[in-house]
């Protein structure tokens, strides 16, 4: 499926489940989506339950449905 020009937000937080973040991120990127990791704070690294890091691109308070600069 071609999803070019589609923007997707994936939420990340402390103690996230690896498969709930990384599987969708990689599959959506493979399909052509622009994926943005969104956390409570921008540019912060959140560890998973097993310690794998995920760095947020944007903070949740700064993202809206109409944000055009993800």
Protein backbone atom coordinates (compact mmCIF):
# COMPACT_ATOMS: atom_id res chain seq x y z
CA UNK A 1 0.00 0.00 0.00
CA UNK A 2 1.37 3.40 -0.96
CA UNK A 3 1.03 5.90 1.85
CA UNK A 4 3.27 8.65 0.55
CA UNK A 5 2.36 12.12 1.81
CA UNK A 6 0.58 10.62 4.84
CA UNK A 7 1.67 11.88 8.26
CA UNK A 8 1.34 9.64 11.31
CA UNK A 9 2.01 10.26 15.01
CA UNK A 10 3.13 7.38 17.21
CA UNK A 11 2.90 7.98 20.94
CA UNK A 12 5.80 7.08 23.22
CA UNK A 13 6.15 7.25 27.01
CA UNK A 14 8.27 5.78 29.79
CA UNK A 15 8.18 1.97 29.89
CA UNK A 16 6.57 1.65 26.46
CA UNK A 17 6.10 -1.78 24.90
CA UNK A 18 8.66 -2.22 22.11
CA UNK A 19 6.36 -3.94 19.61
CA UNK A 20 3.66 -1.29 20.07
CA UNK A 21 6.07 1.45 18.95
CA UNK A 22 8.76 0.06 16.66
CA UNK A 23 6.71 -2.36 14.56
CA UNK A 24 4.22 0.34 13.46
CA UNK A 25 7.00 2.92 13.01
CA UNK A 26 9.04 0.73 10.67
CA UNK A 27 6.06 -0.63 8.72
CA UNK A 28 4.56 2.83 8.22
CA UNK A 29 7.92 4.22 7.08
CA UNK A 30 8.26 1.30 4.64
CA UNK A 31 4.86 2.26 3.22
CA UNK A 32 6.01 5.84 2.68
CA UNK A 33 4.53 7.62 5.70
CA UNK A 34 6.22 10.42 7.56
CA UNK A 35 6.27 9.15 11.14
CA UNK A 36 6.64 11.47 14.13
CA UNK A 37 7.28 10.13 17.62
CA UNK A 38 5.25 12.13 20.13
CA UNK A 39 5.92 12.10 23.87
CA UNK A 40 5.14 14.20 26.91
CA UNK A 41 8.22 16.31 26.10
CA UNK A 42 10.00 17.00 22.80
CA UNK A 43 13.55 15.77 22.21
CA UNK A 44 13.53 13.49 25.22
CA UNK A 45 14.56 9.84 25.26
CA UNK A 46 12.07 7.40 26.76
CA UNK A 47 13.18 3.88 27.69
CA UNK A 48 11.04 0.86 26.93
CA UNK A 49 10.28 -1.88 29.44
CA UNK A 50 13.49 -3.58 28.27
CA UNK A 51 15.48 -0.35 28.11
CA UNK A 52 15.36 0.37 24.36
CA UNK A 53 15.41 4.13 23.78
CA UNK A 54 12.87 6.08 21.73
CA UNK A 55 13.49 9.79 21.24
CA UNK A 56 10.41 11.96 20.84
CA UNK A 57 10.28 14.39 17.93
CA UNK A 58 7.46 16.52 19.33
CA UNK A 59 5.66 17.04 22.61
CA UNK A 60 2.02 16.06 22.92
CA UNK A 61 0.99 19.62 23.81
CA UNK A 62 2.53 20.95 20.60
CA UNK A 63 0.77 18.56 18.24
CA UNK A 64 -2.72 19.08 16.89
CA UNK A 65 -4.68 17.39 14.18
CA UNK A 66 -4.00 20.31 11.87
CA UNK A 67 -0.25 20.57 12.50
CA UNK A 68 1.36 20.90 9.10
CA UNK A 69 5.00 21.00 10.20
CA UNK A 70 5.52 17.57 11.70
